[in-house]
Amino acid sequence: MITKDITIEELISRYPESVRFLLQKGIRCLECGEPAWGTLEENAREKGYDAAAIERLVRELNEWLDAKG
């Protein structure tokens, strides 16, 4: 299960398919082919997400990954 505290590097390493999801949500998770630094929460906050939106993002990401199997 993904949490807001997961680093982008770990997220991409464990779930490479999450790159597409994050890009659709406006969160760039790769820079020059390398994972962005920081946590999912930190990167979402940089894009203007508030606490409620981050919780929704995490929930939707987990649901999306579950559906991917």
C-alpha atoms as a PDB file:
ATOM      1  CA  MET A   1       0.000   0.000   0.000  1.00  0.00           C
ATOM      2  CA  ILE A   2       1.290   3.422  -0.986  1.00  0.00           C
ATOM      3  CA  THR A   3       1.381   6.226   1.578  1.00  0.00           C
ATOM      4  CA  LYS A   4       2.045   9.932   1.166  1.00  0.00           C
ATOM      5  CA  ASP A   5       5.448   9.393   2.805  1.00  0.00           C
ATOM      6  CA  ILE A   6       6.832   7.112   0.081  1.00  0.00           C
ATOM      7  CA  THR A   7       9.727   8.624  -1.819  1.00  0.00           C
ATOM      8  CA  ILE A   8       9.231   9.168  -5.517  1.00  0.00           C
ATOM      9  CA  GLU A   9      12.322   7.050  -6.148  1.00  0.00           C
ATOM     10  CA  GLU A  10      10.885   4.090  -4.204  1.00  0.00           C
ATOM     11  CA  LEU A  11       7.452   4.505  -5.794  1.00  0.00           C
ATOM     12  CA  ILE A  12       8.864   4.411  -9.320  1.00  0.00           C
ATOM     13  CA  SER A  13      11.186   1.552  -8.470  1.00  0.00           C
ATOM     14  CA  ARG A  14       8.391  -0.582  -6.998  1.00  0.00           C
ATOM     15  CA  TYR A  15       5.608   0.539  -9.339  1.00  0.00           C
ATOM     16  CA  PRO A  16       7.038   1.883 -12.615  1.00  0.00           C
ATOM     17  CA  GLU A  17       3.511   2.098 -14.021  1.00  0.00           C
ATOM     18  CA  SER A  18       2.762   4.829 -11.461  1.00  0.00           C
ATOM     19  CA  VAL A  19       4.666   7.332 -13.638  1.00  0.00           C
ATOM     20  CA  ARG A  20       1.705   7.521 -16.024  1.00  0.00           C
ATOM     21  CA  PHE A  21      -0.776   8.052 -13.178  1.00  0.00           C
ATOM     22  CA  LEU A  22       1.279  10.840 -11.599  1.00  0.00           C
ATOM     23  CA  LEU A  23       1.790  12.615 -14.916  1.00  0.00           C
ATOM     24  CA  GLN A  24      -1.979  12.548 -15.485  1.00  0.00           C
ATOM     25  CA  LYS A  25      -2.343  14.262 -12.096  1.00  0.00           C
ATOM     26  CA  GLY A  26       0.178  16.954 -13.036  1.00  0.00           C
ATOM     27  CA  ILE A  27       3.005  15.607 -10.891  1.00  0.00           C
ATOM     28  CA  ARG A  28       6.299  15.280 -12.723  1.00  0.00           C
ATOM     29  CA  CYS A  29       8.073  12.361 -11.170  1.00  0.00           C
ATOM     30  CA  LEU A  30      10.994  12.080 -13.567  1.00  0.00           C
ATOM     31  CA  GLU A  31      13.644  14.633 -14.398  1.00  0.00           C
ATOM     32  CA  CYS A  32      16.131  13.754 -17.123  1.00  0.00           C
ATOM     33  CA  GLY A  33      15.124  10.106 -16.779  1.00  0.00           C
ATOM     34  CA  GLU A  34      15.827  10.039 -13.035  1.00  0.00           C
ATOM     35  CA  PRO A  35      13.199   9.970 -10.276  1.00  0.00           C
ATOM     36  CA  ALA A  36      12.415  13.334  -8.692  1.00  0.00           C
ATOM     37  CA  TRP A  37      13.583  13.835  -5.125  1.00  0.00           C
ATOM     38  CA  GLY A  38      11.352  13.895  -2.081  1.00  0.00           C
ATOM     39  CA  THR A  39       8.181  12.188  -1.043  1.00  0.00           C
ATOM     40  CA  LEU A  40       4.898  11.886  -2.856  1.00  0.00           C
ATOM     41  CA  GLU A  41       3.431  14.420  -0.426  1.00  0.00           C
ATOM     42  CA  GLU A  42       6.238  16.938  -0.983  1.00  0.00           C
ATOM     43  CA  ASN A  43       5.927  16.712  -4.751  1.00  0.00           C
ATOM     44  CA  ALA A  44       2.139  17.020  -4.615  1.00  0.00           C
ATOM     45  CA  ARG A  45       2.388  20.101  -2.359  1.00  0.00           C
ATOM     46  CA  GLU A  46       4.753  21.703  -4.892  1.00  0.00           C
ATOM     47  CA  LYS A  47       1.937  21.346  -7.431  1.00  0.00           C
ATOM     48  CA  GLY A  48      -0.593  23.028  -5.140  1.00  0.00           C
ATOM     49  CA  TYR A  49      -2.246  19.988  -3.589  1.00  0.00           C
ATOM     50  CA  ASP A  50      -3.636  20.554  -0.091  1.00  0.00           C
ATOM     51  CA  ALA A  51      -3.915  17.853   2.603  1.00  0.00           C
ATOM     52  CA  ALA A  52      -7.329  16.631   1.423  1.00  0.00           C
ATOM     53  CA  ALA A  53      -6.210  16.483  -2.206  1.00  0.00           C
ATOM     54  CA  ILE A  54      -3.089  14.540  -1.215  1.00  0.00           C
ATOM     55  CA  GLU A  55      -5.177  11.991   0.687  1.00  0.00           C
ATOM     56  CA  ARG A  56      -7.431  11.651  -2.368  1.00  0.00           C
ATOM     57  CA  LEU A  57      -4.379  11.287  -4.631  1.00  0.00           C
ATOM     58  CA  VAL A  58      -2.946   8.503  -2.454  1.00  0.00           C
ATOM     59  CA  ARG A  59      -6.307   6.702  -2.323  1.00  0.00           C
ATOM     60  CA  GLU A  60      -6.764   6.965  -6.098  1.00  0.00           C
ATOM     61  CA  LEU A  61      -3.198   5.806  -6.737  1.00  0.00           C
ATOM     62  CA  ASN A  62      -3.704   2.732  -4.556  1.00  0.00           C
ATOM     63  CA  GLU A  63      -7.009   1.969  -6.301  1.00  0.00           C
ATOM     64  CA  TRP A  64      -5.383   2.442  -9.705  1.00  0.00           C
ATOM     65  CA  LEU A  65      -2.492   0.126  -8.826  1.00  0.00           C
ATOM     66  CA  ASP A  66      -4.900  -2.490  -7.417  1.00  0.00           C
ATOM     67  CA  ALA A  67      -6.906  -2.407 -10.650  1.00  0.00           C
ATOM     68  CA  LYS A  68      -3.697  -2.926 -12.638  1.00  0.00           C
ATOM     69  CA  GLY A  69      -3.129  -6.106 -10.630  1.00  0.00           C
END
